[in-house]
C-alpha atoms as a PDB file:
ATOM      1  CA  MET A   1      91.796 115.653 111.046  1.00  0.00           C
ATOM      2  CA  PRO A   2      93.236 114.356 114.474  1.00  0.00           C
ATOM      3  CA  TYR A   3      95.046 110.993 114.541  1.00  0.00           C
ATOM      4  CA  GLN A   4      95.851 108.589 117.365  1.00  0.00           C
ATOM      5  CA  THR A   5      99.262 107.649 116.101  1.00  0.00           C
ATOM      6  CA  LEU A   6     100.331 110.385 113.424  1.00  0.00           C
ATOM      7  CA  LEU A   7     100.983 114.004 113.578  1.00  0.00           C
ATOM      8  CA  THR A   8     100.329 116.220 110.404  1.00  0.00           C
ATOM      9  CA  GLU A   9     101.123 119.606 109.445  1.00  0.00           C
ATOM     10  CA  LEU A  10     100.342 121.568 106.176  1.00  0.00           C
ATOM     11  CA  ALA A  11     102.635 124.454 105.408  1.00  0.00           C
ATOM     12  CA  ASP A  12     103.708 125.977 102.100  1.00  0.00           C
ATOM     13  CA  ASN A  13     101.772 123.362 100.140  1.00  0.00           C
ATOM     14  CA  ILE A  14     103.997 120.563 101.717  1.00  0.00           C
ATOM     15  CA  PHE A  15     102.147 118.086 104.153  1.00  0.00           C
ATOM     16  CA  THR A  16     104.268 116.445 106.695  1.00  0.00           C
ATOM     17  CA  ILE A  17     103.169 113.180 108.117  1.00  0.00           C
ATOM     18  CA  THR A  18     104.959 112.083 111.165  1.00  0.00           C
ATOM     19  CA  ILE A  19     104.397 108.517 112.530  1.00  0.00           C
ATOM     20  CA  ASN A  20     104.367 109.149 116.419  1.00  0.00           C
ATOM     21  CA  ARG A  21     104.749 106.255 118.416  1.00  0.00           C
ATOM     22  CA  PRO A  22     108.464 106.960 119.750  1.00  0.00           C
ATOM     23  CA  ASP A  23     108.016 104.735 122.902  1.00  0.00           C
ATOM     24  CA  LYS A  24     107.551 101.917 120.454  1.00  0.00           C
ATOM     25  CA  LEU A  25     110.060 103.178 117.715  1.00  0.00           C
ATOM     26  CA  ASN A  26     107.127 104.026 115.537  1.00  0.00           C
ATOM     27  CA  ALA A  27     106.425 100.408 114.936  1.00  0.00           C
ATOM     28  CA  LEU A  28     103.634  99.795 112.337  1.00  0.00           C
ATOM     29  CA  ASN A  29     100.262  98.285 113.874  1.00  0.00           C
ATOM     30  CA  LYS A  30      96.749  98.040 112.684  1.00  0.00           C
ATOM     31  CA  ILE A  31      95.955 101.568 113.782  1.00  0.00           C
ATOM     32  CA  VAL A  32      99.040 103.213 112.196  1.00  0.00           C
ATOM     33  CA  ILE A  33      98.147 101.413 108.877  1.00  0.00           C
ATOM     34  CA  GLU A  34      94.490 102.606 108.879  1.00  0.00           C
ATOM     35  CA  GLU A  35      95.536 106.061 109.746  1.00  0.00           C
ATOM     36  CA  LEU A  36      98.435 106.381 107.221  1.00  0.00           C
ATOM     37  CA  SER A  37      95.779 105.338 104.705  1.00  0.00           C
ATOM     38  CA  GLU A  38      93.515 108.201 105.673  1.00  0.00           C
ATOM     39  CA  ALA A  39      96.227 110.506 105.639  1.00  0.00           C
ATOM     40  CA  ILE A  40      97.305 109.500 102.222  1.00  0.00           C
ATOM     41  CA  ASN A  41      93.892 109.989 100.854  1.00  0.00           C
ATOM     42  CA  GLU A  42      94.214 113.629 102.157  1.00  0.00           C
ATOM     43  CA  ILE A  43      97.248 114.013  99.986  1.00  0.00           C
ATOM     44  CA  TYR A  44      95.253 112.839  96.925  1.00  0.00           C
ATOM     45  CA  THR A  45      92.151 114.963  97.571  1.00  0.00           C
ATOM     46  CA  ASN A  46      93.396 118.168  99.280  1.00  0.00           C
ATOM     47  CA  THR A  47      94.126 120.625  96.394  1.00  0.00           C
ATOM     48  CA  GLU A  48      96.365 122.683  98.903  1.00  0.00           C
ATOM     49  CA  ILE A  49      98.699 119.838  98.981  1.00  0.00           C
ATOM     50  CA  LYS A  50     101.397 119.802  96.279  1.00  0.00           C
ATOM     51  CA  SER A  51     103.740 117.204  97.960  1.00  0.00           C
ATOM     52  CA  ALA A  52     104.343 115.400 101.069  1.00  0.00           C
ATOM     53  CA  ILE A  53     107.044 114.134 103.515  1.00  0.00           C
ATOM     54  CA  LEU A  54     106.784 110.900 105.474  1.00  0.00           C
ATOM     55  CA  THR A  55     109.025 110.653 108.752  1.00  0.00           C
ATOM     56  CA  GLY A  56     109.101 109.260 112.374  1.00  0.00           C
ATOM     57  CA  SER A  57     108.964 110.984 115.671  1.00  0.00           C
ATOM     58  CA  GLY A  58     111.932 111.217 118.129  1.00  0.00           C
ATOM     59  CA  ALA A  59     115.712 110.609 117.287  1.00  0.00           C
ATOM     60  CA  LYS A  60     115.917 106.931 117.106  1.00  0.00           C
ATOM     61  CA  ALA A  61     113.578 105.643 114.546  1.00  0.00           C
ATOM     62  CA  PHE A  62     111.708 106.337 111.288  1.00  0.00           C
ATOM     63  CA  VAL A  63     109.765 103.063 111.667  1.00  0.00           C
ATOM     64  CA  ALA A  64     111.602 100.142 113.397  1.00  0.00           C
ATOM     65  CA  GLY A  65     109.403  97.586 111.840  1.00  0.00           C
ATOM     66  CA  ALA A  66     105.943  96.074 112.481  1.00  0.00           C
ATOM     67  CA  ASP A  67     104.273  95.569 115.768  1.00  0.00           C
ATOM     68  CA  ILE A  68     105.338  91.776 116.281  1.00  0.00           C
ATOM     69  CA  SER A  69     102.781  91.267 118.982  1.00  0.00           C
ATOM     70  CA  GLU A  70     100.035  91.213 116.244  1.00  0.00           C
ATOM     71  CA  PHE A  71     101.731  88.345 114.464  1.00  0.00           C
ATOM     72  CA  LEU A  72     101.150  85.804 117.064  1.00  0.00           C
ATOM     73  CA  THR A  73      97.548  85.053 116.208  1.00  0.00           C
ATOM     74  CA  LEU A  74      97.688  85.100 112.513  1.00  0.00           C
ATOM     75  CA  ASP A  75      97.604  81.880 110.223  1.00  0.00           C
ATOM     76  CA  SER A  76      98.201  81.945 106.598  1.00  0.00           C
ATOM     77  CA  LYS A  77      94.861  83.293 105.617  1.00  0.00           C
ATOM     78  CA  GLY A  78      95.572  86.137 108.278  1.00  0.00           C
ATOM     79  CA  GLY A  79      99.020  86.794 107.219  1.00  0.00           C
ATOM     80  CA  LYS A  80      97.867  87.208 103.459  1.00  0.00           C
ATOM     81  CA  ALA A  81      95.134  89.577 104.367  1.00  0.00           C
ATOM     82  CA  LEU A  82      97.565  91.714 106.381  1.00  0.00           C
ATOM     83  CA  ALA A  83     100.015  92.146 103.690  1.00  0.00           C
ATOM     84  CA  GLN A  84      97.157  92.622 100.919  1.00  0.00           C
ATOM     85  CA  LYS A  85      95.407  95.476 103.090  1.00  0.00           C
ATOM     86  CA  GLY A  86      98.712  97.171 103.913  1.00  0.00           C
ATOM     87  CA  GLN A  87      99.804  97.048 100.166  1.00  0.00           C
ATOM     88  CA  GLU A  88      96.400  98.329  98.611  1.00  0.00           C
ATOM     89  CA  ASN A  89      95.656 100.817 101.406  1.00  0.00           C
ATOM     90  CA  VAL A  90      99.099 102.352 102.024  1.00  0.00           C
ATOM     91  CA  PHE A  91     102.133 101.307 100.138  1.00  0.00           C
ATOM     92  CA  ASP A  92     100.788 101.122  96.670  1.00  0.00           C
ATOM     93  CA  LYS A  93      98.770 104.255  97.278  1.00  0.00           C
ATOM     94  CA  ILE A  94     102.191 106.152  98.237  1.00  0.00           C
ATOM     95  CA  GLU A  95     104.149 104.736  95.405  1.00  0.00           C
ATOM     96  CA  ASN A  96     101.174 105.745  92.698  1.00  0.00           C
ATOM     97  CA  SER A  97     100.452 109.062  94.284  1.00  0.00           C
ATOM     98  CA  PRO A  98     100.426 111.890  91.553  1.00  0.00           C
ATOM     99  CA  LYS A  99     101.904 114.046  94.121  1.00  0.00           C
ATOM    100  CA  PRO A 100     105.583 113.315  95.375  1.00  0.00           C
ATOM    101  CA  ILE A 101     105.878 111.819  98.660  1.00  0.00           C
ATOM    102  CA  ILE A 102     109.282 111.857 100.068  1.00  0.00           C
ATOM    103  CA  ALA A 103     110.679 109.593 103.054  1.00  0.00           C
ATOM    104  CA  ALA A 104     112.834 111.685 105.482  1.00  0.00           C
ATOM    105  CA  VAL A 105     114.252 108.593 107.280  1.00  0.00           C
ATOM    106  CA  ASN A 106     115.560 109.836 110.771  1.00  0.00           C
ATOM    107  CA  GLY A 107     116.876 106.730 112.313  1.00  0.00           C
ATOM    108  CA  PHE A 108     115.876 102.891 112.056  1.00  0.00           C
ATOM    109  CA  ALA A 109     114.012 101.874 108.942  1.00  0.00           C
ATOM    110  CA  LEU A 110     113.707  98.054 109.401  1.00  0.00           C
ATOM    111  CA  GLY A 111     111.284  95.504 107.879  1.00  0.00           C
ATOM    112  CA  GLY A 112     107.864  97.296 107.073  1.00  0.00           C
ATOM    113  CA  GLY A 113     109.716 100.650 107.929  1.00  0.00           C
ATOM    114  CA  CYS A 114     112.336 100.104 105.200  1.00  0.00           C
ATOM    115  CA  GLU A 115     109.413  99.165 102.871  1.00  0.00           C
ATOM    116  CA  LEU A 116     107.573 102.021 103.698  1.00  0.00           C
ATOM    117  CA  ALA A 117     110.419 104.306 102.810  1.00  0.00           C
ATOM    118  CA  MET A 118     110.839 102.537  99.513  1.00  0.00           C
ATOM    119  CA  ALA A 119     107.245 102.930  98.707  1.00  0.00           C
ATOM    120  CA  CYS A 120     108.056 106.698  98.612  1.00  0.00           C
ATOM    121  CA  HIS A 121     109.130 108.374  95.324  1.00  0.00           C
ATOM    122  CA  PHE A 122     112.565 108.761  96.854  1.00  0.00           C
ATOM    123  CA  ARG A 123     114.413 108.961 100.127  1.00  0.00           C
ATOM    124  CA  LEU A 124     116.637 111.347 102.308  1.00  0.00           C
ATOM    125  CA  ALA A 125     118.237 109.908 105.249  1.00  0.00           C
ATOM    126  CA  SER A 126     119.991 111.326 108.426  1.00  0.00           C
ATOM    127  CA  ASP A 127     123.541 110.126 109.043  1.00  0.00           C
ATOM    128  CA  ASN A 128     122.244 107.982 111.989  1.00  0.00           C
ATOM    129  CA  ALA A 129     119.725 106.091 109.768  1.00  0.00           C
ATOM    130  CA  LYS A 130     119.845 102.232 109.449  1.00  0.00           C
ATOM    131  CA  PHE A 131     118.216 100.176 106.896  1.00  0.00           C
ATOM    132  CA  GLY A 132     117.267  96.562 106.790  1.00  0.00           C
ATOM    133  CA  GLN A 133     114.633  93.645 106.038  1.00  0.00           C
ATOM    134  CA  PRO A 134     115.258  91.321 108.991  1.00  0.00           C
ATOM    135  CA  GLU A 135     112.151  89.321 108.633  1.00  0.00           C
ATOM    136  CA  VAL A 136     113.974  86.058 108.076  1.00  0.00           C
ATOM    137  CA  ASN A 137     114.932  86.351 111.715  1.00  0.00           C
ATOM    138  CA  LEU A 138     111.170  85.814 112.380  1.00  0.00           C
ATOM    139  CA  GLY A 139     110.819  82.860 109.955  1.00  0.00           C
ATOM    140  CA  LEU A 140     109.085  85.110 107.495  1.00  0.00           C
ATOM    141  CA  ILE A 141     109.862  87.501 104.497  1.00  0.00           C
ATOM    142  CA  PRO A 142     109.225  91.128 103.639  1.00  0.00           C
ATOM    143  CA  GLY A 143     105.393  91.334 103.131  1.00  0.00           C
ATOM    144  CA  TYR A 144     104.862  94.943 102.082  1.00  0.00           C
ATOM    145  CA  GLY A 145     106.687  95.042  98.936  1.00  0.00           C
ATOM    146  CA  GLY A 146     110.314  94.597 100.140  1.00  0.00           C
ATOM    147  CA  THR A 147     111.482  91.818  97.792  1.00  0.00           C
ATOM    148  CA  GLN A 148     110.310  93.900  94.747  1.00  0.00           C
ATOM    149  CA  ARG A 149     111.166  97.525  95.582  1.00  0.00           C
ATOM    150  CA  LEU A 150     114.573  96.736  97.193  1.00  0.00           C
ATOM    151  CA  THR A 151     115.476  94.821  94.061  1.00  0.00           C
ATOM    152  CA  GLN A 152     114.424  97.686  91.876  1.00  0.00           C
ATOM    153  CA  LEU A 153     116.426 100.171  93.919  1.00  0.00           C
ATOM    154  CA  ILE A 154     119.827  98.445  94.515  1.00  0.00           C
ATOM    155  CA  GLY A 155     119.897  95.373  92.304  1.00  0.00           C
ATOM    156  CA  LYS A 156     119.230  91.645  92.621  1.00  0.00           C
ATOM    157  CA  GLY A 157     122.703  90.605  94.081  1.00  0.00           C
ATOM    158  CA  LYS A 158     122.639  93.049  97.096  1.00  0.00           C
ATOM    159  CA  ALA A 159     118.822  92.782  97.487  1.00  0.00           C
ATOM    160  CA  MET A 160     119.445  88.966  97.875  1.00  0.00           C
ATOM    161  CA  GLU A 161     122.189  89.564 100.457  1.00  0.00           C
ATOM    162  CA  LEU A 162     120.344  92.048 102.475  1.00  0.00           C
ATOM    163  CA  ILE A 163     117.069  89.981 102.688  1.00  0.00           C
ATOM    164  CA  LEU A 164     118.591  86.510 103.224  1.00  0.00           C
ATOM    165  CA  THR A 165     121.024  87.682 106.094  1.00  0.00           C
ATOM    166  CA  GLY A 166     118.645  90.055 107.552  1.00  0.00           C
ATOM    167  CA  ASN A 167     121.591  92.338 108.021  1.00  0.00           C
ATOM    168  CA  MET A 168     121.481  96.127 108.378  1.00  0.00           C
ATOM    169  CA  ILE A 169     123.160  98.959 106.603  1.00  0.00           C
ATOM    170  CA  ASP A 170     124.026 102.505 107.555  1.00  0.00           C
ATOM    171  CA  ALA A 171     122.977 105.564 105.726  1.00  0.00           C
ATOM    172  CA  ASN A 172     126.189 105.937 103.856  1.00  0.00           C
ATOM    173  CA  GLU A 173     125.860 102.502 102.504  1.00  0.00           C
ATOM    174  CA  ALA A 174     122.391 103.011 101.766  1.00  0.00           C
ATOM    175  CA  PHE A 175     123.522 106.116  99.570  1.00  0.00           C
ATOM    176  CA  ARG A 176     126.309 104.260  97.934  1.00  0.00           C
ATOM    177  CA  LEU A 177     123.799 101.482  96.700  1.00  0.00           C
ATOM    178  CA  GLY A 178     121.180 104.086  95.484  1.00  0.00           C
ATOM    179  CA  LEU A 179     118.629 103.299  98.334  1.00  0.00           C
ATOM    180  CA  VAL A 180     118.787 106.885  99.391  1.00  0.00           C
ATOM    181  CA  ASN A 181     119.344 110.183  97.500  1.00  0.00           C
ATOM    182  CA  HIS A 182     120.905 112.215 100.057  1.00  0.00           C
ATOM    183  CA  VAL A 183     122.428 111.738 103.337  1.00  0.00           C
ATOM    184  CA  THR A 184     122.519 114.882 105.850  1.00  0.00           C
ATOM    185  CA  THR A 185     122.322 115.569 109.738  1.00  0.00           C
ATOM    186  CA  PRO A 186     119.555 114.912 111.737  1.00  0.00           C
ATOM    187  CA  VAL A 187     119.157 118.645 112.469  1.00  0.00           C
ATOM    188  CA  ASN A 188     118.816 119.455 108.645  1.00  0.00           C
ATOM    189  CA  LEU A 189     116.991 116.352 107.439  1.00  0.00           C
ATOM    190  CA  LEU A 190     113.577 117.950 107.259  1.00  0.00           C
ATOM    191  CA  ALA A 191     114.930 121.308 105.826  1.00  0.00           C
ATOM    192  CA  GLU A 192     116.654 119.524 103.147  1.00  0.00           C
ATOM    193  CA  THR A 193     113.669 117.381 102.305  1.00  0.00           C
ATOM    194  CA  LYS A 194     111.395 120.414 102.350  1.00  0.00           C
ATOM    195  CA  LYS A 195     114.123 122.407 100.037  1.00  0.00           C
ATOM    196  CA  ILE A 196     113.762 119.469  97.206  1.00  0.00           C
ATOM    197  CA  LEU A 197     110.116 119.449  97.455  1.00  0.00           C
ATOM    198  CA  GLN A 198     109.690 123.294  97.101  1.00  0.00           C
ATOM    199  CA  THR A 199     111.728 123.028  93.693  1.00  0.00           C
ATOM    200  CA  ILE A 200     109.480 120.195  92.465  1.00  0.00           C
ATOM    201  CA  SER A 201     106.367 122.193  93.780  1.00  0.00           C
ATOM    202  CA  SER A 202     107.293 125.075  91.357  1.00  0.00           C
ATOM    203  CA  LYS A 203     106.996 122.769  88.377  1.00  0.00           C
ATOM    204  CA  ALA A 204     103.696 121.919  86.511  1.00  0.00           C
ATOM    205  CA  PRO A 205     101.578 119.346  88.541  1.00  0.00           C
ATOM    206  CA  LEU A 206     100.124 117.491  85.710  1.00  0.00           C
ATOM    207  CA  ALA A 207     103.613 116.929  84.252  1.00  0.00           C
ATOM    208  CA  ILE A 208     104.767 115.724  87.599  1.00  0.00           C
ATOM    209  CA  ALA A 209     102.119 113.195  87.902  1.00  0.00           C
ATOM    210  CA  GLU A 210     102.676 111.854  84.414  1.00  0.00           C
ATOM    211  CA  ALA A 211     106.408 111.548  85.135  1.00  0.00           C
ATOM    212  CA  ILE A 212     105.796 109.676  88.444  1.00  0.00           C
ATOM    213  CA  SER A 213     103.215 107.227  86.708  1.00  0.00           C
ATOM    214  CA  LEU A 214     105.737 106.408  83.896  1.00  0.00           C
ATOM    215  CA  ILE A 215     108.798 106.011  85.976  1.00  0.00           C
ATOM    216  CA  ASN A 216     106.774 103.501  88.084  1.00  0.00           C
ATOM    217  CA  HIS A 217     105.818 101.781  84.978  1.00  0.00           C
ATOM    218  CA  ALA A 218     109.480 101.559  83.814  1.00  0.00           C
ATOM    219  CA  ALA A 219     110.496 100.357  87.438  1.00  0.00           C
ATOM    220  CA  TYR A 220     108.264  97.331  87.206  1.00  0.00           C
ATOM    221  CA  GLY A 221     109.649  96.373  83.706  1.00  0.00           C
ATOM    222  CA  ASN A 222     106.106  96.719  82.201  1.00  0.00           C
ATOM    223  CA  GLU A 223     105.698  96.763  78.387  1.00  0.00           C
ATOM    224  CA  ASN A 224     105.141  99.741  75.956  1.00  0.00           C
ATOM    225  CA  GLY A 225     106.633 102.143  78.126  1.00  0.00           C
ATOM    226  CA  LEU A 226     108.060 104.315  75.176  1.00  0.00           C
ATOM    227  CA  GLN A 227     104.524 104.317  73.672  1.00  0.00           C
ATOM    228  CA  LYS A 228     102.966 105.377  76.940  1.00  0.00           C
ATOM    229  CA  GLU A 229     105.423 108.271  77.248  1.00  0.00           C
ATOM    230  CA  ILE A 230     104.718 109.382  73.648  1.00  0.00           C
ATOM    231  CA  GLU A 231     100.945 109.549  74.564  1.00  0.00           C
ATOM    232  CA  SER A 232     101.517 111.354  77.882  1.00  0.00           C
ATOM    233  CA  PHE A 233     103.734 113.744  76.088  1.00  0.00           C
ATOM    234  CA  GLY A 234     101.296 114.501  73.712  1.00  0.00           C
ATOM    235  CA  LYS A 235      98.346 114.743  76.045  1.00  0.00           C
ATOM    236  CA  LEU A 236     100.320 117.357  78.084  1.00  0.00           C
ATOM    237  CA  PHE A 237     100.219 119.744  75.000  1.00  0.00           C
ATOM    238  CA  ASP A 238      96.503 120.257  75.681  1.00  0.00           C
ATOM    239  CA  THR A 239      97.050 121.835  79.164  1.00  0.00           C
ATOM    240  CA  SER A 240      97.144 125.521  80.093  1.00  0.00           C
ATOM    241  CA  ASP A 241     100.474 124.614  82.108  1.00  0.00           C
ATOM    242  CA  ALA A 242     102.005 123.442  78.873  1.00  0.00           C
ATOM    243  CA  LYS A 243     101.051 126.599  77.129  1.00  0.00           C
ATOM    244  CA  GLU A 244     102.195 128.771  80.043  1.00  0.00           C
ATOM    245  CA  GLY A 245     105.600 127.087  80.417  1.00  0.00           C
ATOM    246  CA  ALA A 246     106.470 127.547  76.676  1.00  0.00           C
ATOM    247  CA  THR A 247     105.430 131.249  76.929  1.00  0.00           C
ATOM    248  CA  ALA A 248     107.060 131.936  80.238  1.00  0.00           C
ATOM    249  CA  PHE A 249     110.422 130.505  78.617  1.00  0.00           C
ATOM    250  CA  LEU A 250     110.118 132.567  75.554  1.00  0.00           C
ATOM    251  CA  GLU A 251     109.298 135.737  77.719  1.00  0.00           C
ATOM    252  CA  LYS A 252     112.368 134.962  79.806  1.00  0.00           C
ATOM    253  CA  ARG A 253     110.124 134.806  83.174  1.00  0.00           C
ATOM    254  CA  LYS A 254     109.272 132.329  85.670  1.00  0.00           C
ATOM    255  CA  ALA A 255     106.111 130.070  84.789  1.00  0.00           C
ATOM    256  CA  SER A 256     103.128 130.287  87.026  1.00  0.00           C
ATOM    257  CA  PHE A 257     101.600 126.836  86.807  1.00  0.00           C
ATOM    258  CA  THR A 258      98.013 126.144  87.848  1.00  0.00           C
ATOM    259  CA  GLY A 259      97.785 122.288  87.406  1.00  0.00           C
ATOM    260  CA  LYS A 260      95.378 122.807  84.464  1.00  0.00           C
END
């Protein structure tokens, strides 16, 4: 479907979503959030989509933050509603997608942009990328999961430092801290991201979905993770893909998974 602020493309079962406001450094506003929610729904429901990439248009920014002009009229109730709606309709839906959604960070990922990247299942960055949570400079804190997901990814001490100072880090430092999985050139960023997703797409979709759910469960320190893993492990034995995987292994051929 056509969008005002997004470009989308489906090729080789990979759905690429590009936030397309380069004149505003792809800043998040109400329309972007609404359209991202619709695009993520498409990932969930379109059986042709096996995985997705989230990136930004232009050479400068992934998403350079929120559209601050929309903050001026908000009171505490409006601010809470803004964060709640964004979390439920976009950030949590990305994190909990049964299909992998990878961030290809092509420049500034600040504030809500850093939070958007962190909601994805993992991140690749171009070597010109910059990351940060500068909300304290506005008298605010991250509102789209930044305090939680940044702490999960890089640990309490560094998360404290980055959020309390509002400082930025470059792609190599983000890699060193574990915020991104790979750093590459701007030219190769999408190709490298697609290469990883093509590998993932060759695996059993139901197993991928169960793995995502369990890893997210562990990341939030929820209880009974080992028991949940045992139950999921057992459940998958009833799938056709598990039978196909074992048969293909014994027959020394590549498995052909159907997601059933």
